[in-house]
Amino acid sequence: MSTDQHAVAEHTHDDHTHGENCGHEAVSHDDHVDYLHDGHKHAAHEDHYDEH
């Protein structure tokens, strides 16, 4: 799923919350942290994750 501005990940905050000790590798990306998830990166954005 995507919007005009960015691709929205299929997983939501309700499905899984990325953060310290979540089990996914953290990767610095500009001014935030992405988390490697099933071969792609997720970045928190409002009430969902963006695909990076």
PDB file of N, CA and C in Angstrom:
ATOM      1  N   MET A   1       0.854  -1.179   0.000  1.00  0.00           N
ATOM      2  CA  MET A   1       0.000   0.000   0.000  1.00  0.00           C
ATOM      3  C   MET A   1       0.894   1.233   0.000  1.00  0.00           C
ATOM      4  N   SER A   2       0.434   2.280  -0.680  1.00  0.00           N
ATOM      5  CA  SER A   2       1.250   3.493  -0.713  1.00  0.00           C
ATOM      6  C   SER A   2       0.356   4.718  -0.782  1.00  0.00           C
ATOM      7  N   THR A   3       0.980   5.836  -0.511  1.00  0.00           N
ATOM      8  CA  THR A   3       0.306   7.117  -0.676  1.00  0.00           C
ATOM      9  C   THR A   3       1.082   7.907  -1.705  1.00  0.00           C
ATOM     10  N   ASP A   4       0.642   9.113  -2.001  1.00  0.00           N
ATOM     11  CA  ASP A   4       1.361   9.949  -2.959  1.00  0.00           C
ATOM     12  C   ASP A   4       2.754  10.301  -2.462  1.00  0.00           C
ATOM     13  N   GLN A   5       2.965  10.328  -1.153  1.00  0.00           N
ATOM     14  CA  GLN A   5       4.226  10.792  -0.592  1.00  0.00           C
ATOM     15  C   GLN A   5       5.163   9.669  -0.178  1.00  0.00           C
ATOM     16  N   HIS A   6       4.655   8.512   0.257  1.00  0.00           N
ATOM     17  CA  HIS A   6       5.530   7.463   0.737  1.00  0.00           C
ATOM     18  C   HIS A   6       4.826   6.111   0.725  1.00  0.00           C
ATOM     19  N   ALA A   7       5.630   5.045   0.768  1.00  0.00           N
ATOM     20  CA  ALA A   7       5.094   3.689   0.814  1.00  0.00           C
ATOM     21  C   ALA A   7       4.833   3.318   2.267  1.00  0.00           C
ATOM     22  N   VAL A   8       3.643   2.819   2.530  1.00  0.00           N
ATOM     23  CA  VAL A   8       3.257   2.428   3.882  1.00  0.00           C
ATOM     24  C   VAL A   8       3.486   0.931   4.036  1.00  0.00           C
ATOM     25  N   ALA A   9       4.159   0.527   5.109  1.00  0.00           N
ATOM     26  CA  ALA A   9       4.435  -0.883   5.380  1.00  0.00           C
ATOM     27  C   ALA A   9       3.144  -1.623   5.685  1.00  0.00           C
ATOM     28  N   GLU A  10       3.134  -2.907   5.378  1.00  0.00           N
ATOM     29  CA  GLU A  10       1.947  -3.720   5.647  1.00  0.00           C
ATOM     30  C   GLU A  10       1.763  -3.975   7.134  1.00  0.00           C
ATOM     31  N   HIS A  11       2.821  -3.839   7.928  1.00  0.00           N
ATOM     32  CA  HIS A  11       2.748  -4.044   9.369  1.00  0.00           C
ATOM     33  C   HIS A  11       2.418  -2.728  10.068  1.00  0.00           C
ATOM     34  N   THR A  12       1.659  -2.779  11.136  1.00  0.00           N
ATOM     35  CA  THR A  12       1.288  -1.584  11.887  1.00  0.00           C
ATOM     36  C   THR A  12       1.923  -1.606  13.268  1.00  0.00           C
ATOM     37  N   HIS A  13       1.779  -0.512  14.007  1.00  0.00           N
ATOM     38  CA  HIS A  13       2.264  -0.460  15.381  1.00  0.00           C
ATOM     39  C   HIS A  13       1.537  -1.495  16.231  1.00  0.00           C
ATOM     40  N   ASP A  14       0.286  -1.778  15.916  1.00  0.00           N
ATOM     41  CA  ASP A  14      -0.461  -2.788  16.672  1.00  0.00           C
ATOM     42  C   ASP A  14       0.101  -4.191  16.453  1.00  0.00           C
ATOM     43  N   ASP A  15       0.636  -4.454  15.246  1.00  0.00           N
ATOM     44  CA  ASP A  15       1.225  -5.752  14.941  1.00  0.00           C
ATOM     45  C   ASP A  15       2.547  -5.946  15.674  1.00  0.00           C
ATOM     46  N   HIS A  16       3.355  -4.898  15.713  1.00  0.00           N
ATOM     47  CA  HIS A  16       4.700  -4.981  16.292  1.00  0.00           C
ATOM     48  C   HIS A  16       5.221  -3.563  16.513  1.00  0.00           C
ATOM     49  N   THR A  17       5.843  -3.333  17.635  1.00  0.00           N
ATOM     50  CA  THR A  17       6.446  -2.030  17.912  1.00  0.00           C
ATOM     51  C   THR A  17       7.954  -2.160  17.838  1.00  0.00           C
ATOM     52  N   HIS A  18       8.561  -1.470  16.869  1.00  0.00           N
ATOM     53  CA  HIS A  18      10.013  -1.469  16.740  1.00  0.00           C
ATOM     54  C   HIS A  18      10.618  -0.560  17.805  1.00  0.00           C
ATOM     55  N   GLY A  19      11.768  -0.959  18.307  1.00  0.00           N
ATOM     56  CA  GLY A  19      12.478  -0.180  19.302  1.00  0.00           C
ATOM     57  C   GLY A  19      13.569  -1.024  19.923  1.00  0.00           C
ATOM     58  N   GLU A  20      14.205  -0.508  20.939  1.00  0.00           N
ATOM     59  CA  GLU A  20      15.273  -1.223  21.624  1.00  0.00           C
ATOM     60  C   GLU A  20      14.773  -2.592  22.069  1.00  0.00           C
ATOM     61  N   ASN A  21      15.539  -3.621  21.755  1.00  0.00           N
ATOM     62  CA  ASN A  21      15.230  -5.009  22.118  1.00  0.00           C
ATOM     63  C   ASN A  21      13.988  -5.576  21.430  1.00  0.00           C
ATOM     64  N   CYS A  22      13.619  -5.047  20.265  1.00  0.00           N
ATOM     65  CA  CYS A  22      12.448  -5.580  19.549  1.00  0.00           C
ATOM     66  C   CYS A  22      12.795  -6.822  18.739  1.00  0.00           C
ATOM     67  N   GLY A  23      14.111  -7.088  18.597  1.00  0.00           N
ATOM     68  CA  GLY A  23      14.530  -8.257  17.839  1.00  0.00           C
ATOM     69  C   GLY A  23      14.927  -7.956  16.404  1.00  0.00           C
ATOM     70  N   HIS A  24      14.803  -6.710  15.974  1.00  0.00           N
ATOM     71  CA  HIS A  24      15.195  -6.323  14.619  1.00  0.00           C
ATOM     72  C   HIS A  24      16.385  -5.380  14.683  1.00  0.00           C
ATOM     73  N   GLU A  25      17.264  -5.509  13.691  1.00  0.00           N
ATOM     74  CA  GLU A  25      18.463  -4.665  13.645  1.00  0.00           C
ATOM     75  C   GLU A  25      18.094  -3.213  13.359  1.00  0.00           C
ATOM     76  N   ALA A  26      18.622  -2.296  14.174  1.00  0.00           N
ATOM     77  CA  ALA A  26      18.404  -0.856  13.993  1.00  0.00           C
ATOM     78  C   ALA A  26      19.470  -0.310  13.049  1.00  0.00           C
ATOM     79  N   VAL A  27      19.043   0.560  12.121  1.00  0.00           N
ATOM     80  CA  VAL A  27      19.942   1.162  11.143  1.00  0.00           C
ATOM     81  C   VAL A  27      19.675   2.664  11.115  1.00  0.00           C
ATOM     82  N   SER A  28      20.719   3.470  11.368  1.00  0.00           N
ATOM     83  CA  SER A  28      20.564   4.924  11.306  1.00  0.00           C
ATOM     84  C   SER A  28      20.252   5.351   9.879  1.00  0.00           C
ATOM     85  N   HIS A  29      19.273   6.254   9.736  1.00  0.00           N
ATOM     86  CA  HIS A  29      18.879   6.736   8.418  1.00  0.00           C
ATOM     87  C   HIS A  29      18.497   8.211   8.545  1.00  0.00           C
ATOM     88  N   ASP A  30      19.376   9.085   8.080  1.00  0.00           N
ATOM     89  CA  ASP A  30      19.170  10.529   8.190  1.00  0.00           C
ATOM     90  C   ASP A  30      18.869  10.920   9.647  1.00  0.00           C
ATOM     91  N   ASP A  31      17.676  11.446   9.917  1.00  0.00           N
ATOM     92  CA  ASP A  31      17.357  11.946  11.265  1.00  0.00           C
ATOM     93  C   ASP A  31      16.534  10.964  12.094  1.00  0.00           C
ATOM     94  N   HIS A  32      16.496   9.677  11.686  1.00  0.00           N
ATOM     95  CA  HIS A  32      15.712   8.686  12.417  1.00  0.00           C
ATOM     96  C   HIS A  32      16.378   7.310  12.321  1.00  0.00           C
ATOM     97  N   VAL A  33      15.735   6.318  12.876  1.00  0.00           N
ATOM     98  CA  VAL A  33      16.242   4.947  12.841  1.00  0.00           C
ATOM     99  C   VAL A  33      15.248   4.085  12.079  1.00  0.00           C
ATOM    100  N   ASP A  34      15.766   3.276  11.151  1.00  0.00           N
ATOM    101  CA  ASP A  34      14.965   2.260  10.465  1.00  0.00           C
ATOM    102  C   ASP A  34      15.253   0.928  11.147  1.00  0.00           C
ATOM    103  N   TYR A  35      14.330  -0.005  10.990  1.00  0.00           N
ATOM    104  CA  TYR A  35      14.513  -1.357  11.526  1.00  0.00           C
ATOM    105  C   TYR A  35      14.383  -2.352  10.395  1.00  0.00           C
ATOM    106  N   LEU A  36      15.395  -3.235  10.266  1.00  0.00           N
ATOM    107  CA  LEU A  36      15.355  -4.269   9.242  1.00  0.00           C
ATOM    108  C   LEU A  36      14.284  -5.279   9.618  1.00  0.00           C
ATOM    109  N   HIS A  37      13.357  -5.520   8.700  1.00  0.00           N
ATOM    110  CA  HIS A  37      12.217  -6.398   8.974  1.00  0.00           C
ATOM    111  C   HIS A  37      11.920  -7.214   7.721  1.00  0.00           C
ATOM    112  N   ASP A  38      12.129  -8.513   7.777  1.00  0.00           N
ATOM    113  CA  ASP A  38      11.847  -9.401   6.639  1.00  0.00           C
ATOM    114  C   ASP A  38      12.484  -8.932   5.339  1.00  0.00           C
ATOM    115  N   GLY A  39      13.741  -8.486   5.417  1.00  0.00           N
ATOM    116  CA  GLY A  39      14.489  -8.106   4.227  1.00  0.00           C
ATOM    117  C   GLY A  39      14.282  -6.680   3.739  1.00  0.00           C
ATOM    118  N   HIS A  40      13.529  -5.887   4.478  1.00  0.00           N
ATOM    119  CA  HIS A  40      13.346  -4.479   4.111  1.00  0.00           C
ATOM    120  C   HIS A  40      13.367  -3.633   5.377  1.00  0.00           C
ATOM    121  N   LYS A  41      13.359  -2.316   5.197  1.00  0.00           N
ATOM    122  CA  LYS A  41      13.468  -1.408   6.346  1.00  0.00           C
ATOM    123  C   LYS A  41      12.127  -0.755   6.661  1.00  0.00           C
ATOM    124  N   HIS A  42      11.826  -0.664   7.948  1.00  0.00           N
ATOM    125  CA  HIS A  42      10.634   0.048   8.426  1.00  0.00           C
ATOM    126  C   HIS A  42      11.076   1.276   9.212  1.00  0.00           C
ATOM    127  N   ALA A  43      10.345   2.365   9.039  1.00  0.00           N
ATOM    128  CA  ALA A  43      10.583   3.591   9.792  1.00  0.00           C
ATOM    129  C   ALA A  43       9.246   4.058  10.364  1.00  0.00           C
ATOM    130  N   ALA A  44       9.225   4.356  11.661  1.00  0.00           N
ATOM    131  CA  ALA A  44       7.994   4.830  12.297  1.00  0.00           C
ATOM    132  C   ALA A  44       7.573   6.159  11.683  1.00  0.00           C
ATOM    133  N   HIS A  45       6.266   6.285  11.400  1.00  0.00           N
ATOM    134  CA  HIS A  45       5.716   7.518  10.843  1.00  0.00           C
ATOM    135  C   HIS A  45       4.272   7.622  11.296  1.00  0.00           C
ATOM    136  N   GLU A  46       4.002   8.561  12.186  1.00  0.00           N
ATOM    137  CA  GLU A  46       2.665   8.769  12.752  1.00  0.00           C
ATOM    138  C   GLU A  46       2.127   7.452  13.316  1.00  0.00           C
ATOM    139  N   ASP A  47       1.020   6.931  12.780  1.00  0.00           N
ATOM    140  CA  ASP A  47       0.420   5.722  13.348  1.00  0.00           C
ATOM    141  C   ASP A  47       0.745   4.455  12.556  1.00  0.00           C
ATOM    142  N   HIS A  48       1.801   4.523  11.701  1.00  0.00           N
ATOM    143  CA  HIS A  48       2.165   3.378  10.870  1.00  0.00           C
ATOM    144  C   HIS A  48       3.681   3.377  10.633  1.00  0.00           C
ATOM    145  N   TYR A  49       4.159   2.403   9.875  1.00  0.00           N
ATOM    146  CA  TYR A  49       5.558   2.351   9.451  1.00  0.00           C
ATOM    147  C   TYR A  49       5.631   2.619   7.965  1.00  0.00           C
ATOM    148  N   ASP A  50       6.688   3.333   7.557  1.00  0.00           N
ATOM    149  CA  ASP A  50       6.982   3.534   6.141  1.00  0.00           C
ATOM    150  C   ASP A  50       7.994   2.487   5.712  1.00  0.00           C
ATOM    151  N   GLU A  51       7.914   2.094   4.454  1.00  0.00           N
ATOM    152  CA  GLU A  51       8.930   1.241   3.843  1.00  0.00           C
ATOM    153  C   GLU A  51      10.059   2.145   3.360  1.00  0.00           C
ATOM    154  N   HIS A  52      11.281   1.781   3.695  1.00  0.00           N
ATOM    155  CA  HIS A  52      12.453   2.537   3.210  1.00  0.00           C
ATOM    156  C   HIS A  52      13.361   1.604   2.460  1.00  0.00           C
TER     157      HIS A  52
END
